[in-house]
Amino acid sequence: MIKSVNRTDLVRKMAGDLELTMKQIQQITEEAEAAIVDFIKEREQVRIHEFGTFYQTLIKSHVIKQIGTKTPRIILEQKAVKFRPSPVLKAAIYGQKPKERRSAPPKLQAEAPEEEIPIKREENGRWRAKRGNVAVNYKPTPPKPKTVISFKPLRILPRVDREKIQQKIKERRAGVYKNPSPKIPQGEIAREAEIFLRLLNQIKKTGIASVDFSLDATRDIKIFCGRPRTQVSHLPREVVKGFLTYLDIEEFHLPQIRHKLIFAQTPGYDKINIGIHSFPTHSGASIHIDIK
């Protein structure tokens, strides 16, 4: 069995090597340990040259299983101190030679400003300068490329003219009064409206009171709820457009409000009362539905 070495053994060995008393070595050891602890608390890292680095890390909270009872146990977030040995220490323990660092090539420095050092290019593409009897490899460093930041062109939307919008609303109301749309009988419902009604029934059962989506040129219209927005479903654009047409919402460039009580033809689905608010956007319309 390998016997571990404690602080007393270290103090005794250092006292014999340095020819000092054990009390002096113990005081030096305690001061060194206290200094390392203070620096780890303050700077979270202590690096000792050719020995290693003590550093502080954060262990996130996780769940473990106890070996005996197999019951889960929560380990809260906590700090830990780790040690990273240096390459010299690893080489001394494993009996390997540390890797030698590549020395930088000597700098080409002329004794006088007027002195010129001949530089020739060899076949391998490197440059070689000869100064006296010493040949030095020289490879010119290419200039760093300049970073160019490119911005996308700004898209400026036209400003909404309030008077023009109000005039269009008046014209549309006058057109509706002159040519009222035929009322759909209560028993008859469009296929798209029934599909949308089934979806709203399912959403209402989960406790959601409102949904939002944007009618644009995409193939599938994504339906969101809550803040932050969470996608709950998606429907084909034809179904959504047919449902809005059933509610007499066709001119999406105008703000509109509709209230409707919808009955499903398929048994098993409850009637549902909805309020729809449509707001025009640059790509279509933003739709907000209140489920009551």
C-alpha atoms as a PDB file:
ATOM      1  CA  MET A   1       0.000   0.000   0.000  1.00  0.00           C
ATOM      2  CA  ILE A   2       1.368   3.402  -0.971  1.00  0.00           C
ATOM      3  CA  LYS A   3       1.796   5.718   1.996  1.00  0.00           C
ATOM      4  CA  SER A   4       0.804   9.317   1.362  1.00  0.00           C
ATOM      5  CA  VAL A   5       3.071  12.201   2.297  1.00  0.00           C
ATOM      6  CA  ASN A   6       1.717  14.824   4.700  1.00  0.00           C
ATOM      7  CA  ARG A   7       2.821  18.333   5.600  1.00  0.00           C
ATOM      8  CA  THR A   8       5.220  17.118   8.322  1.00  0.00           C
ATOM      9  CA  ASP A   9       7.121  14.984   5.809  1.00  0.00           C
ATOM     10  CA  LEU A  10       7.406  17.928   3.411  1.00  0.00           C
ATOM     11  CA  VAL A  11       8.604  20.249   6.195  1.00  0.00           C
ATOM     12  CA  ARG A  12      11.204  17.702   7.375  1.00  0.00           C
ATOM     13  CA  LYS A  13      12.577  17.212   3.843  1.00  0.00           C
ATOM     14  CA  MET A  14      12.759  20.959   3.071  1.00  0.00           C
ATOM     15  CA  ALA A  15      14.413  21.625   6.440  1.00  0.00           C
ATOM     16  CA  GLY A  16      17.111  19.084   5.637  1.00  0.00           C
ATOM     17  CA  ASP A  17      17.698  20.430   2.117  1.00  0.00           C
ATOM     18  CA  LEU A  18      17.724  24.116   3.091  1.00  0.00           C
ATOM     19  CA  GLU A  19      19.501  23.605   6.446  1.00  0.00           C
ATOM     20  CA  LEU A  20      16.792  25.477   8.341  1.00  0.00           C
ATOM     21  CA  THR A  21      14.764  24.548  11.393  1.00  0.00           C
ATOM     22  CA  MET A  22      11.447  22.769  11.002  1.00  0.00           C
ATOM     23  CA  LYS A  23       9.655  25.646  12.734  1.00  0.00           C
ATOM     24  CA  GLN A  24      10.921  28.140  10.158  1.00  0.00           C
ATOM     25  CA  ILE A  25       9.970  25.884   7.248  1.00  0.00           C
ATOM     26  CA  GLN A  26       6.506  25.288   8.756  1.00  0.00           C
ATOM     27  CA  GLN A  27       5.896  29.045   9.064  1.00  0.00           C
ATOM     28  CA  ILE A  28       6.960  29.563   5.436  1.00  0.00           C
ATOM     29  CA  THR A  29       4.689  26.712   4.292  1.00  0.00           C
ATOM     30  CA  GLU A  30       1.668  28.065   6.183  1.00  0.00           C
ATOM     31  CA  GLU A  31       2.244  31.573   4.798  1.00  0.00           C
ATOM     32  CA  ALA A  32       2.535  30.200   1.239  1.00  0.00           C
ATOM     33  CA  GLU A  33      -0.698  28.206   1.623  1.00  0.00           C
ATOM     34  CA  ALA A  34      -2.552  31.234   3.021  1.00  0.00           C
ATOM     35  CA  ALA A  35      -1.294  33.434   0.164  1.00  0.00           C
ATOM     36  CA  ILE A  36      -2.438  30.892  -2.441  1.00  0.00           C
ATOM     37  CA  VAL A  37      -5.905  30.696  -0.825  1.00  0.00           C
ATOM     38  CA  ASP A  38      -6.235  34.508  -0.745  1.00  0.00           C
ATOM     39  CA  PHE A  39      -5.212  34.856  -4.397  1.00  0.00           C
ATOM     40  CA  ILE A  40      -7.657  32.105  -5.481  1.00  0.00           C
ATOM     41  CA  LYS A  41     -10.491  33.936  -3.688  1.00  0.00           C
ATOM     42  CA  GLU A  42      -9.488  37.282  -5.171  1.00  0.00           C
ATOM     43  CA  ARG A  43      -8.403  36.440  -8.723  1.00  0.00           C
ATOM     44  CA  GLU A  44      -9.768  32.868  -9.088  1.00  0.00           C
ATOM     45  CA  GLN A  45      -6.448  31.602 -10.483  1.00  0.00           C
ATOM     46  CA  VAL A  46      -2.853  31.119  -9.201  1.00  0.00           C
ATOM     47  CA  ARG A  47      -0.166  30.052 -11.672  1.00  0.00           C
ATOM     48  CA  ILE A  48       3.203  28.780 -10.418  1.00  0.00           C
ATOM     49  CA  HIS A  49       5.796  28.648 -13.172  1.00  0.00           C
ATOM     50  CA  GLU A  50       6.874  25.104 -14.203  1.00  0.00           C
ATOM     51  CA  PHE A  51       4.633  23.607 -11.495  1.00  0.00           C
ATOM     52  CA  GLY A  52       0.972  24.152 -12.289  1.00  0.00           C
ATOM     53  CA  THR A  53      -2.140  26.304 -11.914  1.00  0.00           C
ATOM     54  CA  PHE A  54      -4.723  26.359  -9.127  1.00  0.00           C
ATOM     55  CA  TYR A  55      -8.004  27.707 -10.490  1.00  0.00           C
ATOM     56  CA  GLN A  56     -11.585  28.139  -9.312  1.00  0.00           C
ATOM     57  CA  THR A  57     -14.502  26.689 -11.285  1.00  0.00           C
ATOM     58  CA  LEU A  58     -18.288  26.560 -10.915  1.00  0.00           C
ATOM     59  CA  ILE A  59     -20.085  23.186 -10.846  1.00  0.00           C
ATOM     60  CA  LYS A  60     -23.704  23.524 -11.988  1.00  0.00           C
ATOM     61  CA  SER A  61     -26.554  21.901 -10.107  1.00  0.00           C
ATOM     62  CA  HIS A  62     -27.229  18.308 -11.170  1.00  0.00           C
ATOM     63  CA  VAL A  63     -28.992  15.141 -10.053  1.00  0.00           C
ATOM     64  CA  ILE A  64     -27.141  11.990  -8.936  1.00  0.00           C
ATOM     65  CA  LYS A  65     -28.239   8.545  -7.757  1.00  0.00           C
ATOM     66  CA  GLN A  66     -26.980   7.223  -4.450  1.00  0.00           C
ATOM     67  CA  ILE A  67     -25.081   3.950  -4.798  1.00  0.00           C
ATOM     68  CA  GLY A  68     -26.785   2.078  -1.979  1.00  0.00           C
ATOM     69  CA  THR A  69     -30.416   3.237  -2.148  1.00  0.00           C
ATOM     70  CA  LYS A  70     -30.560   4.272  -5.858  1.00  0.00           C
ATOM     71  CA  THR A  71     -32.598   7.327  -4.842  1.00  0.00           C
ATOM     72  CA  PRO A  72     -32.055  10.578  -6.741  1.00  0.00           C
ATOM     73  CA  ARG A  73     -30.297  13.396  -4.934  1.00  0.00           C
ATOM     74  CA  ILE A  74     -29.978  17.028  -6.042  1.00  0.00           C
ATOM     75  CA  ILE A  75     -26.517  18.594  -5.828  1.00  0.00           C
ATOM     76  CA  LEU A  76     -26.818  22.383  -5.742  1.00  0.00           C
ATOM     77  CA  GLU A  77     -24.563  24.761  -7.621  1.00  0.00           C
ATOM     78  CA  GLN A  78     -21.220  25.147  -5.858  1.00  0.00           C
ATOM     79  CA  LYS A  79     -17.648  26.331  -6.362  1.00  0.00           C
ATOM     80  CA  ALA A  80     -14.665  23.990  -6.625  1.00  0.00           C
ATOM     81  CA  VAL A  81     -10.888  24.380  -6.783  1.00  0.00           C
ATOM     82  CA  LYS A  82      -8.951  22.371  -9.369  1.00  0.00           C
ATOM     83  CA  PHE A  83      -5.278  21.972 -10.249  1.00  0.00           C
ATOM     84  CA  ARG A  84      -3.827  21.889 -13.766  1.00  0.00           C
ATOM     85  CA  PRO A  85      -0.219  20.572 -13.832  1.00  0.00           C
ATOM     86  CA  SER A  86       2.344  22.213 -16.079  1.00  0.00           C
ATOM     87  CA  PRO A  87       4.088  20.328 -18.918  1.00  0.00           C
ATOM     88  CA  VAL A  88       7.345  20.316 -16.898  1.00  0.00           C
ATOM     89  CA  LEU A  89       5.607  18.612 -13.949  1.00  0.00           C
ATOM     90  CA  LYS A  90       3.950  16.057 -16.250  1.00  0.00           C
ATOM     91  CA  ALA A  91       7.278  15.290 -17.906  1.00  0.00           C
ATOM     92  CA  ALA A  92       8.969  14.831 -14.516  1.00  0.00           C
ATOM     93  CA  ILE A  93       6.248  12.419 -13.306  1.00  0.00           C
ATOM     94  CA  TYR A  94       5.924  10.352 -16.502  1.00  0.00           C
ATOM     95  CA  GLY A  95       9.642  10.377 -17.278  1.00  0.00           C
ATOM     96  CA  GLN A  96       9.318  12.296 -20.515  1.00  0.00           C
ATOM     97  CA  LYS A  97      11.368  15.147 -21.813  1.00  0.00           C
ATOM     98  CA  PRO A  98       9.471  18.434 -22.058  1.00  0.00           C
ATOM     99  CA  LYS A  99       8.979  19.778 -25.527  1.00  0.00           C
ATOM    100  CA  GLU A 100      11.549  22.351 -26.444  1.00  0.00           C
ATOM    101  CA  ARG A 101      10.174  25.672 -27.455  1.00  0.00           C
ATOM    102  CA  ARG A 102      11.066  26.847 -30.878  1.00  0.00           C
ATOM    103  CA  SER A 103      13.356  29.801 -30.659  1.00  0.00           C
ATOM    104  CA  ALA A 104      12.394  32.790 -32.717  1.00  0.00           C
ATOM    105  CA  PRO A 105      14.687  33.558 -35.652  1.00  0.00           C
ATOM    106  CA  PRO A 106      17.214  36.286 -34.942  1.00  0.00           C
ATOM    107  CA  LYS A 107      16.072  39.715 -35.904  1.00  0.00           C
ATOM    108  CA  LEU A 108      17.723  41.351 -38.874  1.00  0.00           C
ATOM    109  CA  GLN A 109      19.220  44.445 -37.355  1.00  0.00           C
ATOM    110  CA  ALA A 110      21.823  46.421 -39.241  1.00  0.00           C
ATOM    111  CA  GLU A 111      24.713  48.005 -37.402  1.00  0.00           C
ATOM    112  CA  ALA A 112      24.279  51.225 -39.335  1.00  0.00           C
ATOM    113  CA  PRO A 113      21.276  52.710 -41.120  1.00  0.00           C
ATOM    114  CA  GLU A 114      23.148  52.667 -44.408  1.00  0.00           C
ATOM    115  CA  GLU A 115      23.948  48.940 -44.188  1.00  0.00           C
ATOM    116  CA  GLU A 116      21.909  46.784 -46.568  1.00  0.00           C
ATOM    117  CA  ILE A 117      21.325  43.080 -45.995  1.00  0.00           C
ATOM    118  CA  PRO A 118      20.934  41.096 -49.241  1.00  0.00           C
ATOM    119  CA  ILE A 119      17.746  39.030 -49.265  1.00  0.00           C
ATOM    120  CA  LYS A 120      17.290  36.240 -51.829  1.00  0.00           C
ATOM    121  CA  ARG A 121      14.309  34.015 -52.519  1.00  0.00           C
ATOM    122  CA  GLU A 122      14.941  30.256 -52.711  1.00  0.00           C
ATOM    123  CA  GLU A 123      13.126  27.581 -54.712  1.00  0.00           C
ATOM    124  CA  ASN A 124      10.930  26.522 -51.771  1.00  0.00           C
ATOM    125  CA  GLY A 125       9.413  30.008 -51.636  1.00  0.00           C
ATOM    126  CA  ARG A 126      11.178  31.183 -48.491  1.00  0.00           C
ATOM    127  CA  TRP A 127      13.354  34.218 -48.211  1.00  0.00           C
ATOM    128  CA  ARG A 128      16.928  33.866 -46.951  1.00  0.00           C
ATOM    129  CA  ALA A 129      19.076  36.750 -45.811  1.00  0.00           C
ATOM    130  CA  LYS A 130      22.797  36.373 -45.337  1.00  0.00           C
ATOM    131  CA  ARG A 131      24.560  38.514 -42.843  1.00  0.00           C
ATOM    132  CA  GLY A 132      28.258  37.801 -42.666  1.00  0.00           C
ATOM    133  CA  ASN A 133      28.598  34.019 -42.493  1.00  0.00           C
ATOM    134  CA  VAL A 134      25.202  33.425 -40.877  1.00  0.00           C
ATOM    135  CA  ALA A 135      22.165  32.586 -43.033  1.00  0.00           C
ATOM    136  CA  VAL A 136      18.800  33.476 -41.532  1.00  0.00           C
ATOM    137  CA  ASN A 137      15.366  32.369 -42.788  1.00  0.00           C
ATOM    138  CA  TYR A 138      13.146  35.325 -43.400  1.00  0.00           C
ATOM    139  CA  LYS A 139       9.494  35.155 -44.427  1.00  0.00           C
ATOM    140  CA  PRO A 140       7.716  38.465 -44.859  1.00  0.00           C
ATOM    141  CA  THR A 141       4.426  38.624 -42.983  1.00  0.00           C
ATOM    142  CA  PRO A 142       1.485  39.521 -45.232  1.00  0.00           C
ATOM    143  CA  PRO A 143      -0.528  42.571 -44.210  1.00  0.00           C
ATOM    144  CA  LYS A 144      -3.682  41.890 -42.263  1.00  0.00           C
ATOM    145  CA  PRO A 145      -6.838  42.208 -44.350  1.00  0.00           C
ATOM    146  CA  LYS A 146      -9.064  45.093 -43.414  1.00  0.00           C
ATOM    147  CA  THR A 147     -12.393  44.067 -42.007  1.00  0.00           C
ATOM    148  CA  VAL A 148     -15.254  45.564 -43.976  1.00  0.00           C
ATOM    149  CA  ILE A 149     -18.623  45.792 -42.272  1.00  0.00           C
ATOM    150  CA  SER A 150     -21.470  45.586 -44.726  1.00  0.00           C
ATOM    151  CA  PHE A 151     -24.976  46.741 -43.841  1.00  0.00           C
ATOM    152  CA  LYS A 152     -28.145  45.663 -45.552  1.00  0.00           C
ATOM    153  CA  PRO A 153     -30.010  48.433 -47.326  1.00  0.00           C
ATOM    154  CA  LEU A 154     -32.622  50.045 -45.132  1.00  0.00           C
ATOM    155  CA  ARG A 155     -36.225  49.481 -46.084  1.00  0.00           C
ATOM    156  CA  ILE A 156     -38.283  52.555 -45.390  1.00  0.00           C
ATOM    157  CA  LEU A 157     -42.017  51.869 -45.254  1.00  0.00           C
ATOM    158  CA  PRO A 158     -44.385  54.542 -46.469  1.00  0.00           C
ATOM    159  CA  ARG A 159     -46.015  56.626 -43.808  1.00  0.00           C
ATOM    160  CA  VAL A 160     -49.674  55.912 -43.142  1.00  0.00           C
ATOM    161  CA  ASP A 161     -51.940  58.790 -44.007  1.00  0.00           C
ATOM    162  CA  ARG A 162     -54.651  58.893 -41.350  1.00  0.00           C
ATOM    163  CA  GLU A 163     -57.132  60.888 -43.418  1.00  0.00           C
ATOM    164  CA  LYS A 164     -56.684  58.552 -46.375  1.00  0.00           C
ATOM    165  CA  ILE A 165     -57.336  55.484 -44.209  1.00  0.00           C
ATOM    166  CA  GLN A 166     -60.462  57.048 -42.702  1.00  0.00           C
ATOM    167  CA  GLN A 167     -61.743  57.872 -46.211  1.00  0.00           C
ATOM    168  CA  LYS A 168     -61.234  54.254 -47.313  1.00  0.00           C
ATOM    169  CA  ILE A 169     -63.096  53.015 -44.235  1.00  0.00           C
ATOM    170  CA  LYS A 170     -66.039  55.305 -45.043  1.00  0.00           C
ATOM    171  CA  GLU A 171     -66.095  54.142 -48.676  1.00  0.00           C
ATOM    172  CA  ARG A 172     -66.020  50.508 -47.628  1.00  0.00           C
ATOM    173  CA  ARG A 173     -68.861  51.002 -45.133  1.00  0.00           C
ATOM    174  CA  ALA A 174     -70.909  52.748 -47.786  1.00  0.00           C
ATOM    175  CA  GLY A 175     -70.275  49.852 -50.180  1.00  0.00           C
ATOM    176  CA  VAL A 176     -71.300  47.294 -47.545  1.00  0.00           C
ATOM    177  CA  TYR A 177     -74.523  49.176 -46.827  1.00  0.00           C
ATOM    178  CA  LYS A 178     -75.376  49.316 -50.546  1.00  0.00           C
ATOM    179  CA  ASN A 179     -74.416  45.698 -51.300  1.00  0.00           C
ATOM    180  CA  PRO A 180     -74.715  43.734 -48.051  1.00  0.00           C
ATOM    181  CA  SER A 181     -73.099  40.297 -48.112  1.00  0.00           C
ATOM    182  CA  PRO A 182     -75.560  37.399 -47.970  1.00  0.00           C
ATOM    183  CA  LYS A 183     -75.905  35.918 -44.506  1.00  0.00           C
ATOM    184  CA  ILE A 184     -74.823  32.306 -44.174  1.00  0.00           C
ATOM    185  CA  PRO A 185     -77.451  30.111 -42.502  1.00  0.00           C
ATOM    186  CA  GLN A 186     -76.605  28.929 -39.026  1.00  0.00           C
ATOM    187  CA  GLY A 187     -76.468  25.281 -40.069  1.00  0.00           C
ATOM    188  CA  GLU A 188     -74.173  25.903 -43.063  1.00  0.00           C
ATOM    189  CA  ILE A 189     -70.483  26.564 -42.408  1.00  0.00           C
ATOM    190  CA  ALA A 190     -67.529  26.660 -44.760  1.00  0.00           C
ATOM    191  CA  ARG A 191     -64.989  23.830 -44.638  1.00  0.00           C
ATOM    192  CA  GLU A 192     -62.160  26.223 -43.735  1.00  0.00           C
ATOM    193  CA  ALA A 193     -64.214  27.778 -40.913  1.00  0.00           C
ATOM    194  CA  GLU A 194     -64.933  24.345 -39.455  1.00  0.00           C
ATOM    195  CA  ILE A 195     -61.229  23.394 -39.522  1.00  0.00           C
ATOM    196  CA  PHE A 196     -60.346  26.632 -37.770  1.00  0.00           C
ATOM    197  CA  LEU A 197     -63.175  26.109 -35.252  1.00  0.00           C
ATOM    198  CA  ARG A 198     -61.800  22.687 -34.299  1.00  0.00           C
ATOM    199  CA  LEU A 199     -58.378  24.208 -33.740  1.00  0.00           C
ATOM    200  CA  LEU A 200     -59.786  27.030 -31.585  1.00  0.00           C
ATOM    201  CA  ASN A 201     -61.760  24.462 -29.541  1.00  0.00           C
ATOM    202  CA  GLN A 202     -58.582  22.517 -28.805  1.00  0.00           C
ATOM    203  CA  ILE A 203     -56.701  25.722 -27.906  1.00  0.00           C
ATOM    204  CA  LYS A 204     -59.496  26.865 -25.585  1.00  0.00           C
ATOM    205  CA  LYS A 205     -59.404  23.536 -23.684  1.00  0.00           C
ATOM    206  CA  THR A 206     -55.762  24.201 -22.785  1.00  0.00           C
ATOM    207  CA  GLY A 207     -56.725  27.491 -21.090  1.00  0.00           C
ATOM    208  CA  ILE A 208     -55.447  29.872 -23.780  1.00  0.00           C
ATOM    209  CA  ALA A 209     -57.673  32.936 -24.246  1.00  0.00           C
ATOM    210  CA  SER A 210     -56.144  34.501 -27.395  1.00  0.00           C
ATOM    211  CA  VAL A 211     -53.973  33.649 -30.421  1.00  0.00           C
ATOM    212  CA  ASP A 212     -52.025  35.699 -32.963  1.00  0.00           C
ATOM    213  CA  PHE A 213     -50.737  35.072 -36.472  1.00  0.00           C
ATOM    214  CA  SER A 214     -49.607  37.002 -39.511  1.00  0.00           C
ATOM    215  CA  LEU A 215     -51.255  36.483 -42.881  1.00  0.00           C
ATOM    216  CA  ASP A 216     -48.504  36.793 -45.496  1.00  0.00           C
ATOM    217  CA  ALA A 217     -47.302  34.992 -48.599  1.00  0.00           C
ATOM    218  CA  THR A 218     -45.899  31.967 -46.727  1.00  0.00           C
ATOM    219  CA  ARG A 219     -47.341  28.534 -47.403  1.00  0.00           C
ATOM    220  CA  ASP A 220     -48.060  27.641 -43.758  1.00  0.00           C
ATOM    221  CA  ILE A 221     -49.428  30.236 -41.344  1.00  0.00           C
ATOM    222  CA  LYS A 222     -47.952  29.783 -37.862  1.00  0.00           C
ATOM    223  CA  ILE A 223     -50.285  30.466 -34.920  1.00  0.00           C
ATOM    224  CA  PHE A 224     -48.825  31.827 -31.666  1.00  0.00           C
ATOM    225  CA  CYS A 225     -50.032  32.599 -28.153  1.00  0.00           C
ATOM    226  CA  GLY A 226     -48.727  34.250 -24.982  1.00  0.00           C
ATOM    227  CA  ARG A 227     -45.738  36.478 -24.226  1.00  0.00           C
ATOM    228  CA  PRO A 228     -43.097  35.428 -25.150  1.00  0.00           C
ATOM    229  CA  ARG A 229     -44.809  34.083 -28.247  1.00  0.00           C
ATOM    230  CA  THR A 230     -45.124  30.292 -28.364  1.00  0.00           C
ATOM    231  CA  GLN A 231     -46.214  28.480 -31.505  1.00  0.00           C
ATOM    232  CA  VAL A 232     -49.239  26.257 -30.819  1.00  0.00           C
ATOM    233  CA  SER A 233     -50.147  25.150 -34.347  1.00  0.00           C
ATOM    234  CA  HIS A 234     -49.969  25.943 -38.064  1.00  0.00           C
ATOM    235  CA  LEU A 235     -52.503  25.801 -40.901  1.00  0.00           C
ATOM    236  CA  PRO A 236     -52.236  26.081 -44.692  1.00  0.00           C
ATOM    237  CA  ARG A 237     -52.599  29.585 -46.049  1.00  0.00           C
ATOM    238  CA  GLU A 238     -55.671  28.599 -48.112  1.00  0.00           C
ATOM    239  CA  VAL A 239     -57.511  27.432 -44.970  1.00  0.00           C
ATOM    240  CA  VAL A 240     -56.703  30.619 -43.033  1.00  0.00           C
ATOM    241  CA  LYS A 241     -57.674  32.857 -45.960  1.00  0.00           C
ATOM    242  CA  GLY A 242     -60.937  30.935 -46.453  1.00  0.00           C
ATOM    243  CA  PHE A 243     -61.768  31.303 -42.762  1.00  0.00           C
ATOM    244  CA  LEU A 244     -61.187  35.068 -42.881  1.00  0.00           C
ATOM    245  CA  THR A 245     -63.264  35.301 -46.056  1.00  0.00           C
ATOM    246  CA  TYR A 246     -66.071  33.464 -44.231  1.00  0.00           C
ATOM    247  CA  LEU A 247     -65.909  36.223 -41.598  1.00  0.00           C
ATOM    248  CA  ASP A 248     -66.087  38.902 -44.333  1.00  0.00           C
ATOM    249  CA  ILE A 249     -62.442  39.968 -43.962  1.00  0.00           C
ATOM    250  CA  GLU A 250     -60.997  40.285 -47.447  1.00  0.00           C
ATOM    251  CA  GLU A 251     -59.500  43.773 -47.709  1.00  0.00           C
ATOM    252  CA  PHE A 252     -56.466  43.315 -45.461  1.00  0.00           C
ATOM    253  CA  HIS A 253     -55.121  46.818 -46.074  1.00  0.00           C
ATOM    254  CA  LEU A 254     -57.806  48.200 -43.716  1.00  0.00           C
ATOM    255  CA  PRO A 255     -58.055  47.761 -39.933  1.00  0.00           C
ATOM    256  CA  GLN A 256     -61.149  45.663 -39.125  1.00  0.00           C
ATOM    257  CA  ILE A 257     -62.954  44.160 -36.122  1.00  0.00           C
ATOM    258  CA  ARG A 258     -65.343  41.183 -36.239  1.00  0.00           C
ATOM    259  CA  HIS A 259     -67.372  39.345 -33.580  1.00  0.00           C
ATOM    260  CA  LYS A 260     -68.845  35.978 -34.479  1.00  0.00           C
ATOM    261  CA  LEU A 261     -70.498  32.990 -32.813  1.00  0.00           C
ATOM    262  CA  ILE A 262     -69.563  29.850 -34.773  1.00  0.00           C
ATOM    263  CA  PHE A 263     -71.330  26.483 -34.627  1.00  0.00           C
ATOM    264  CA  ALA A 264     -69.607  23.350 -35.894  1.00  0.00           C
ATOM    265  CA  GLN A 265     -71.438  20.844 -38.052  1.00  0.00           C
ATOM    266  CA  THR A 266     -69.360  17.960 -36.695  1.00  0.00           C
ATOM    267  CA  PRO A 267     -70.687  16.610 -33.388  1.00  0.00           C
ATOM    268  CA  GLY A 268     -68.328  16.723 -30.412  1.00  0.00           C
ATOM    269  CA  TYR A 269     -67.265  20.351 -30.910  1.00  0.00           C
ATOM    270  CA  ASP A 270     -68.774  23.169 -28.880  1.00  0.00           C
ATOM    271  CA  LYS A 271     -69.863  26.489 -30.291  1.00  0.00           C
ATOM    272  CA  ILE A 272     -67.342  29.238 -29.779  1.00  0.00           C
ATOM    273  CA  ASN A 273     -67.573  33.018 -29.616  1.00  0.00           C
ATOM    274  CA  ILE A 274     -64.586  34.860 -31.079  1.00  0.00           C
ATOM    275  CA  GLY A 275     -63.510  38.456 -31.599  1.00  0.00           C
ATOM    276  CA  ILE A 276     -61.068  39.138 -34.446  1.00  0.00           C
ATOM    277  CA  HIS A 277     -58.907  42.248 -34.791  1.00  0.00           C
ATOM    278  CA  SER A 278     -57.121  42.670 -38.126  1.00  0.00           C
ATOM    279  CA  PHE A 279     -54.321  45.235 -38.568  1.00  0.00           C
ATOM    280  CA  PRO A 280     -52.687  45.947 -41.958  1.00  0.00           C
ATOM    281  CA  THR A 281     -48.917  45.340 -42.343  1.00  0.00           C
ATOM    282  CA  HIS A 282     -46.465  45.796 -45.219  1.00  0.00           C
ATOM    283  CA  SER A 283     -46.709  42.071 -46.124  1.00  0.00           C
ATOM    284  CA  GLY A 284     -50.352  41.313 -45.353  1.00  0.00           C
ATOM    285  CA  ALA A 285     -52.197  41.574 -42.051  1.00  0.00           C
ATOM    286  CA  SER A 286     -51.631  40.874 -38.367  1.00  0.00           C
ATOM    287  CA  ILE A 287     -54.562  38.926 -36.885  1.00  0.00           C
ATOM    288  CA  HIS A 288     -55.471  38.776 -33.183  1.00  0.00           C
ATOM    289  CA  ILE A 289     -58.261  36.423 -32.063  1.00  0.00           C
ATOM    290  CA  ASP A 290     -59.917  36.546 -28.625  1.00  0.00           C
ATOM    291  CA  ILE A 291     -61.505  33.215 -27.650  1.00  0.00           C
ATOM    292  CA  LYS A 292     -64.541  33.713 -25.371  1.00  0.00           C
END
